[in-house]
Amino acid sequence: MKDVNIISLGCSKNLVDTELLLKQLEKAGYKASLSEEGKEAEIVVINTCGFIGDAKEESIHTILEQIERKKAGKLRKVLVMGCLSQRYKADLEAEIPEVDAYFGKFDWKGILEYLGKQYDDSVRNQRVLTTPSHYAYLKIAEGCNRTCSYCAIPLMTGKYKSREMDEILEECRLLVRSGVKEILVMAQDLTYYGTDLYGKNRLAELIDRIADIEGLKWIKLHYAYPAGFPLELLAVMRERKNVCKYLDIALQHCSDSMLEKMRRGINKEQTIRLIRKIRQEVPGIFLRTTLMTGHPGEREEDFRELCEFVREMKFERLGVFPYSHEEDTYCDRHYLDDIP
């Protein structure tokens, strides 16, 4: 039995992809495991992240580290998959030819075929969980239909693609039967769920049906988008006891000028009204958001306005990130990086 280690970089959505591949490798007869170091394995698969500059650097550094280990005779093959490989495959093949093979973000079949094995469709939604046994991530969609000025994610993941509701519910039941007590529901944009597949937003219905699953103690929602937020979700969050009063909603900015430049599809007044509505409808809710500074065109008054907005809104948790220039985005085509 050959050993395969997967080094999973980036976000929790990437980790779910890694867990799906682990199951396929296990089914194919490999001894497969998650590893940060890639130690003591014949084959190392690196699931890369290509979201922002720092993530790209980490991915490249990890690839080069594993190539050195291969040269030292500590492993036989280095395979690369994920977002960075999806977006820059030709460049990577030219710059780092020592990698044995590059694959796209969702090319599990290609990896199995490269290893002389067949993809097993009977376990396509099954995973080898790498999280602590009491919780698991649940990805309800791939891709993103938003057109934010700074974001390259749609270039790597494609258009939004909701999973069938029944398929999601069956995966939830399998997870609960395996001992999972907490489900972290996620997508790049939770709040678009169902629109592409059913012609209308069905996130509230999905969460309500997940909450019906016996034995599931906690449901937590990650990565909501403010524009087009489905207000009917709030009643589900308020009334269902196992839906946590927690919401991760990325606002990015509050200045009307910046929201327009960022192409967020919402203005400051609408944002404030939404946050107040959420707090009113779900008393005691715990709100987390992320904000961006340094986007092209941001002025000192925009930044001061953002600081005042944070003081006024009193988020329970806050992440703040500097703008990262990404090729082929709207920013790349239309703006100069004019913020020092």
Protein backbone atom coordinates (compact mmCIF):
# COMPACT_ATOMS: atom_id res chain seq x y z
CA MET A 1 0.00 0.00 0.00
CA LYS A 2 1.43 3.36 -1.07
CA ASP A 3 1.29 6.39 1.21
CA VAL A 4 -0.07 9.73 -0.01
CA ASN A 5 0.06 12.91 2.03
CA ILE A 6 -1.98 15.97 1.11
CA ILE A 7 -0.85 19.42 2.19
CA SER A 8 -3.97 21.60 2.26
CA LEU A 9 -3.40 25.35 2.06
CA GLY A 10 -5.86 28.24 2.21
CA CYS A 11 -9.47 28.29 3.30
CA SER A 12 -11.87 25.75 4.77
CA LYS A 13 -13.51 25.33 1.35
CA ASN A 14 -10.15 24.04 0.13
CA LEU A 15 -10.04 21.69 3.10
CA VAL A 16 -13.34 20.13 2.01
CA ASP A 17 -11.83 19.49 -1.43
CA THR A 18 -8.88 17.83 0.28
CA GLU A 19 -11.20 15.63 2.34
CA LEU A 20 -13.04 14.55 -0.82
CA LEU A 21 -9.74 13.59 -2.47
CA LEU A 22 -8.63 11.72 0.65
CA LYS A 23 -11.74 9.55 0.38
CA GLN A 24 -11.11 8.80 -3.28
CA LEU A 25 -7.48 7.88 -2.58
CA GLU A 26 -8.51 5.70 0.34
CA LYS A 27 -11.08 3.93 -1.85
CA ALA A 28 -8.41 3.40 -4.50
CA GLY A 29 -6.23 1.54 -2.00
CA TYR A 30 -3.86 4.27 -0.87
CA LYS A 31 -2.98 5.08 2.70
CA ALA A 32 -3.87 8.77 2.47
CA SER A 33 -3.60 11.43 5.15
CA LEU A 34 -3.56 15.17 5.72
CA SER A 35 -0.15 16.58 6.49
CA GLU A 36 1.34 20.03 6.97
CA GLU A 37 4.83 18.71 6.43
CA GLY A 38 4.38 15.99 3.81
CA LYS A 39 6.61 13.62 5.78
CA GLU A 40 7.12 9.92 5.17
CA ALA A 41 5.06 9.45 2.03
CA GLU A 42 5.83 8.28 -1.48
CA ILE A 43 3.54 10.89 -2.98
CA VAL A 44 2.70 14.41 -1.82
CA VAL A 45 -0.27 16.33 -3.20
CA ILE A 46 -0.29 20.08 -2.53
CA ASN A 47 -3.75 21.65 -2.60
CA THR A 48 -2.79 25.27 -3.26
CA CYS A 49 -4.43 28.62 -2.57
CA GLY A 50 -4.22 31.51 -5.04
CA PHE A 51 -6.51 34.05 -3.41
CA ILE A 52 -4.12 36.93 -2.65
CA GLY A 53 -0.40 37.62 -2.87
CA ASP A 54 0.52 36.14 0.51
CA ALA A 55 -1.41 32.95 -0.25
CA LYS A 56 0.35 32.57 -3.60
CA GLU A 57 3.73 32.99 -1.93
CA GLU A 58 2.89 30.34 0.66
CA SER A 59 1.81 27.95 -2.09
CA ILE A 60 4.99 28.50 -4.13
CA HIS A 61 7.15 28.14 -1.03
CA THR A 62 5.44 24.86 -0.14
CA ILE A 63 5.91 23.49 -3.67
CA LEU A 64 9.61 24.34 -3.63
CA GLU A 65 10.03 22.75 -0.19
CA GLN A 66 8.53 19.49 -1.39
CA ILE A 67 10.69 19.50 -4.53
CA GLU A 68 13.76 19.73 -2.30
CA ARG A 69 12.49 16.76 -0.30
CA LYS A 70 12.01 14.83 -3.55
CA LYS A 71 15.58 15.66 -4.62
CA ALA A 72 16.77 14.38 -1.24
CA GLY A 73 15.03 11.06 -1.87
CA LYS A 74 12.39 11.53 0.83
CA LEU A 75 9.46 11.13 -1.57
CA ARG A 76 8.83 9.95 -5.12
CA LYS A 77 6.29 12.33 -6.62
CA VAL A 78 5.03 15.89 -6.09
CA LEU A 79 1.57 16.68 -7.47
CA VAL A 80 -0.03 20.13 -7.36
CA MET A 81 -3.74 20.97 -7.49
CA GLY A 82 -6.06 23.74 -6.29
CA CYS A 83 -6.69 27.40 -7.00
CA LEU A 84 -3.12 28.43 -7.87
CA SER A 85 -2.76 25.53 -10.29
CA GLN A 86 -6.19 26.23 -11.78
CA ARG A 87 -5.29 29.83 -12.57
CA TYR A 88 -1.58 29.63 -13.38
CA LYS A 89 -1.04 26.08 -14.64
CA ALA A 90 0.92 27.01 -17.77
CA ASP A 91 3.11 29.47 -15.86
CA LEU A 92 3.80 26.95 -13.11
CA GLU A 93 4.69 24.20 -15.59
CA ALA A 94 7.19 26.56 -17.21
CA GLU A 95 8.66 27.96 -13.98
CA ILE A 96 8.65 24.84 -11.78
CA PRO A 97 8.94 21.86 -14.15
CA GLU A 98 10.24 19.64 -11.33
CA VAL A 99 6.63 19.06 -10.23
CA ASP A 100 5.48 15.72 -11.64
CA ALA A 101 1.99 16.92 -12.60
CA TYR A 102 -0.32 19.90 -12.18
CA PHE A 103 -4.11 19.62 -11.89
CA GLY A 104 -6.99 22.08 -11.72
CA LYS A 105 -9.05 22.86 -8.63
CA PHE A 106 -11.69 20.18 -9.16
CA ASP A 107 -9.73 17.60 -11.16
CA TRP A 108 -9.93 14.66 -8.76
CA LYS A 109 -10.52 12.32 -11.71
CA GLY A 110 -7.33 13.53 -13.36
CA ILE A 111 -5.30 12.85 -10.22
CA LEU A 112 -6.73 9.34 -9.88
CA GLU A 113 -6.08 8.60 -13.55
CA TYR A 114 -2.51 9.88 -13.24
CA LEU A 115 -2.00 7.39 -10.41
CA GLY A 116 -3.46 4.58 -12.51
CA LYS A 117 -6.73 4.44 -10.58
CA GLN A 118 -10.40 5.14 -11.31
CA TYR A 119 -12.56 7.83 -9.75
CA ASP A 120 -15.32 6.14 -7.71
CA ASP A 121 -18.61 7.98 -8.26
CA SER A 122 -20.31 5.96 -5.50
CA VAL A 123 -18.38 7.94 -2.85
CA ARG A 124 -18.26 11.30 -4.63
CA ASN A 125 -19.88 13.15 -1.70
CA GLN A 126 -18.07 11.22 1.03
CA ARG A 127 -15.02 12.60 2.81
CA VAL A 128 -12.30 11.63 5.21
CA LEU A 129 -12.89 14.23 7.91
CA THR A 130 -9.78 16.03 9.11
CA THR A 131 -11.52 18.28 11.62
CA PRO A 132 -12.05 17.31 15.28
CA SER A 133 -14.74 14.62 15.38
CA HIS A 134 -17.51 16.85 16.75
CA TYR A 135 -17.73 19.24 13.78
CA ALA A 136 -17.46 19.32 10.00
CA TYR A 137 -17.63 21.84 7.19
CA LEU A 138 -20.47 21.58 4.68
CA LYS A 139 -20.01 23.25 1.30
CA ILE A 140 -23.37 23.98 -0.35
CA ALA A 141 -22.13 25.61 -3.57
CA GLU A 142 -19.08 26.25 -5.72
CA GLY A 143 -18.03 29.40 -7.52
CA CYS A 144 -19.31 32.97 -7.40
CA ASN A 145 -21.44 35.19 -9.65
CA ARG A 146 -20.47 38.48 -8.00
CA THR A 147 -18.27 40.92 -9.87
CA CYS A 148 -16.34 42.61 -7.06
CA SER A 149 -13.61 44.78 -8.52
CA TYR A 150 -10.72 43.29 -6.55
CA CYS A 151 -11.60 39.60 -6.48
CA ALA A 152 -10.10 36.85 -8.65
CA ILE A 153 -12.05 33.97 -7.10
CA PRO A 154 -14.56 33.68 -9.99
CA LEU A 155 -11.58 33.30 -12.34
CA MET A 156 -10.53 30.19 -10.42
CA THR A 157 -13.83 28.65 -9.35
CA GLY A 158 -16.16 29.67 -12.17
CA LYS A 159 -19.81 30.67 -12.01
CA TYR A 160 -21.98 29.94 -8.98
CA LYS A 161 -23.20 26.35 -8.86
CA SER A 162 -25.59 25.34 -6.08
CA ARG A 163 -25.64 21.74 -4.96
CA GLU A 164 -28.96 19.89 -5.04
CA MET A 165 -30.75 20.36 -1.73
CA ASP A 166 -31.47 16.64 -1.28
CA GLU A 167 -27.80 15.84 -1.87
CA ILE A 168 -26.76 18.36 0.80
CA LEU A 169 -29.27 16.97 3.29
CA GLU A 170 -28.09 13.41 2.71
CA GLU A 171 -24.49 14.47 3.33
CA CYS A 172 -25.62 16.15 6.57
CA ARG A 173 -27.30 12.96 7.72
CA LEU A 174 -24.17 10.94 6.95
CA LEU A 175 -22.06 13.40 8.94
CA VAL A 176 -24.40 13.28 11.93
CA ARG A 177 -24.48 9.47 11.84
CA SER A 178 -20.68 9.52 11.95
CA GLY A 179 -20.78 11.52 15.21
CA VAL A 180 -20.69 15.11 13.98
CA LYS A 181 -22.60 17.49 16.27
CA GLU A 182 -21.88 20.83 14.60
CA ILE A 183 -22.16 21.70 10.91
CA LEU A 184 -20.43 24.80 9.53
CA VAL A 185 -22.43 25.66 6.41
CA MET A 186 -20.35 27.56 3.88
CA ALA A 187 -19.92 28.76 0.32
CA GLN A 188 -18.12 31.65 -1.28
CA ASP A 189 -21.54 33.33 -1.18
CA LEU A 190 -24.14 31.59 0.98
CA THR A 191 -26.82 34.13 0.18
CA TYR A 192 -27.05 33.21 -3.53
CA TYR A 193 -27.91 29.58 -2.79
CA GLY A 194 -30.57 28.09 -5.05
CA THR A 195 -30.92 31.06 -7.39
CA ASP A 196 -29.08 29.34 -10.23
CA LEU A 197 -30.59 25.90 -9.65
CA TYR A 198 -34.18 26.61 -8.64
CA GLY A 199 -34.76 30.11 -10.00
CA LYS A 200 -35.12 31.59 -6.53
CA ASN A 201 -33.18 31.89 -3.29
CA ARG A 202 -33.70 28.83 -1.09
CA LEU A 203 -31.10 29.33 1.64
CA ALA A 204 -33.69 29.79 4.41
CA GLU A 205 -35.47 26.59 3.38
CA LEU A 206 -32.19 24.68 3.25
CA ILE A 207 -31.11 25.78 6.73
CA ASP A 208 -34.58 25.04 8.11
CA ARG A 209 -34.42 21.50 6.71
CA ILE A 210 -30.88 20.96 7.98
CA ALA A 211 -32.11 22.03 11.42
CA ASP A 212 -34.66 19.18 11.31
CA ILE A 213 -31.93 16.52 11.27
CA GLU A 214 -32.07 14.61 14.53
CA GLY A 215 -28.88 14.69 16.56
CA LEU A 216 -27.49 17.87 14.98
CA LYS A 217 -26.79 20.28 17.84
CA TRP A 218 -25.34 23.36 16.16
CA ILE A 219 -25.47 24.95 12.70
CA LYS A 220 -23.22 27.90 11.93
CA LEU A 221 -23.34 30.07 8.79
CA HIS A 222 -20.23 31.36 7.03
CA TYR A 223 -19.70 33.90 4.26
CA ALA A 224 -22.93 35.77 3.61
CA TYR A 225 -23.01 38.60 1.08
CA PRO A 226 -24.89 41.80 2.01
CA ALA A 227 -26.42 42.66 -1.39
CA GLY A 228 -29.55 40.58 -1.90
CA PHE A 229 -29.41 39.10 1.61
CA PRO A 230 -32.49 36.82 2.06
CA LEU A 231 -34.31 38.36 5.02
CA GLU A 232 -36.46 35.23 5.44
CA LEU A 233 -33.33 33.53 6.78
CA LEU A 234 -33.55 35.66 9.92
CA ALA A 235 -36.75 33.98 11.14
CA VAL A 236 -35.06 30.58 10.78
CA MET A 237 -32.05 31.80 12.76
CA ARG A 238 -34.29 33.22 15.47
CA GLU A 239 -36.71 30.29 15.80
CA ARG A 240 -34.58 27.19 15.27
CA LYS A 241 -32.72 26.36 18.48
CA ASN A 242 -29.85 24.53 16.80
CA VAL A 243 -29.08 27.36 14.36
CA CYS A 244 -26.41 29.43 16.07
CA LYS A 245 -27.03 33.13 16.43
CA TYR A 246 -23.85 33.78 14.48
CA LEU A 247 -23.32 35.22 11.02
CA ASP A 248 -20.15 35.87 9.04
CA ILE A 249 -21.06 38.60 6.55
CA ALA A 250 -18.32 40.32 4.54
CA LEU A 251 -19.04 44.05 4.15
CA GLN A 252 -15.59 45.22 2.91
CA HIS A 253 -16.38 48.96 3.27
CA CYS A 254 -19.11 51.46 4.13
CA SER A 255 -18.28 54.56 2.09
CA ASP A 256 -20.65 54.96 -0.86
CA SER A 257 -17.71 56.00 -3.02
CA MET A 258 -15.74 52.88 -2.15
CA LEU A 259 -18.68 50.49 -2.34
CA GLU A 260 -19.28 51.73 -5.88
CA LYS A 261 -15.61 51.35 -6.82
CA MET A 262 -15.59 47.87 -5.30
CA ARG A 263 -18.76 46.99 -7.28
CA ARG A 264 -20.47 45.60 -4.19
CA GLY A 265 -24.04 46.24 -5.32
CA ILE A 266 -25.06 47.96 -2.09
CA ASN A 267 -24.68 51.42 -0.53
CA LYS A 268 -24.00 52.62 3.01
CA GLU A 269 -27.62 53.31 3.94
CA GLN A 270 -28.68 49.85 2.76
CA THR A 271 -25.79 48.27 4.66
CA ILE A 272 -26.68 49.98 7.94
CA ARG A 273 -30.35 49.13 7.46
CA LEU A 274 -29.44 45.46 6.89
CA ILE A 275 -27.21 45.22 9.98
CA ARG A 276 -29.87 46.82 12.16
CA LYS A 277 -32.53 44.52 10.72
CA ILE A 278 -30.40 41.45 11.47
CA ARG A 279 -29.85 42.56 15.07
CA GLN A 280 -33.53 43.40 15.48
CA GLU A 281 -34.81 40.10 14.09
CA VAL A 282 -32.22 37.88 15.79
CA PRO A 283 -31.64 39.30 19.30
CA GLY A 284 -28.20 38.53 20.67
CA ILE A 285 -26.74 37.60 17.29
CA PHE A 286 -22.93 37.47 17.04
CA LEU A 287 -21.80 39.28 13.88
CA ARG A 288 -18.41 38.90 12.25
CA THR A 289 -17.35 40.90 9.22
CA THR A 290 -14.28 41.60 7.11
CA LEU A 291 -13.18 44.99 5.81
CA MET A 292 -10.65 46.02 3.19
CA THR A 293 -8.37 49.05 3.25
CA GLY A 294 -6.17 50.42 0.50
CA HIS A 295 -8.43 49.67 -2.46
CA PRO A 296 -7.55 51.97 -5.39
CA GLY A 297 -9.29 55.31 -5.01
CA GLU A 298 -9.72 55.14 -1.23
CA ARG A 299 -9.31 58.59 0.29
CA GLU A 300 -8.44 59.59 3.84
CA GLU A 301 -12.07 60.62 4.40
CA ASP A 302 -13.26 57.19 3.22
CA PHE A 303 -10.97 55.53 5.75
CA ARG A 304 -12.13 57.80 8.58
CA GLU A 305 -15.74 57.08 7.62
CA LEU A 306 -14.98 53.36 7.81
CA CYS A 307 -13.47 53.71 11.29
CA GLU A 308 -16.55 55.59 12.51
CA PHE A 309 -18.78 52.92 10.96
CA VAL A 310 -16.96 50.21 12.92
CA ARG A 311 -17.40 52.14 16.15
CA GLU A 312 -21.11 52.61 15.44
CA MET A 313 -21.92 49.06 14.32
CA LYS A 314 -20.03 47.34 17.19
CA PHE A 315 -19.30 44.06 15.45
CA GLU A 316 -18.47 41.18 17.77
CA ARG A 317 -15.55 40.13 15.56
CA LEU A 318 -13.71 41.99 12.82
CA GLY A 319 -11.08 41.09 10.27
CA VAL A 320 -9.29 43.84 8.33
CA PHE A 321 -7.19 43.12 5.26
CA PRO A 322 -5.08 45.28 2.94
CA TYR A 323 -5.97 45.40 -0.75
CA SER A 324 -4.07 42.85 -2.84
CA HIS A 325 -3.62 43.54 -6.54
CA GLU A 326 -4.83 40.61 -8.66
CA GLU A 327 -4.28 40.21 -12.39
CA ASP A 328 -7.28 40.17 -14.75
CA THR A 329 -9.69 41.67 -12.22
CA TYR A 330 -11.76 44.80 -12.77
CA CYS A 331 -9.24 46.72 -10.64
CA ASP A 332 -6.39 45.49 -12.79
CA ARG A 333 -8.11 46.73 -15.94
CA HIS A 334 -9.53 50.04 -14.69
CA TYR A 335 -7.62 51.38 -11.67
CA LEU A 336 -4.11 52.33 -10.71
CA ASP A 337 -2.72 51.02 -7.42
CA ASP A 338 -2.47 54.52 -5.99
CA ILE A 339 -2.57 53.77 -2.25
CA PRO A 340 0.92 53.67 -0.64
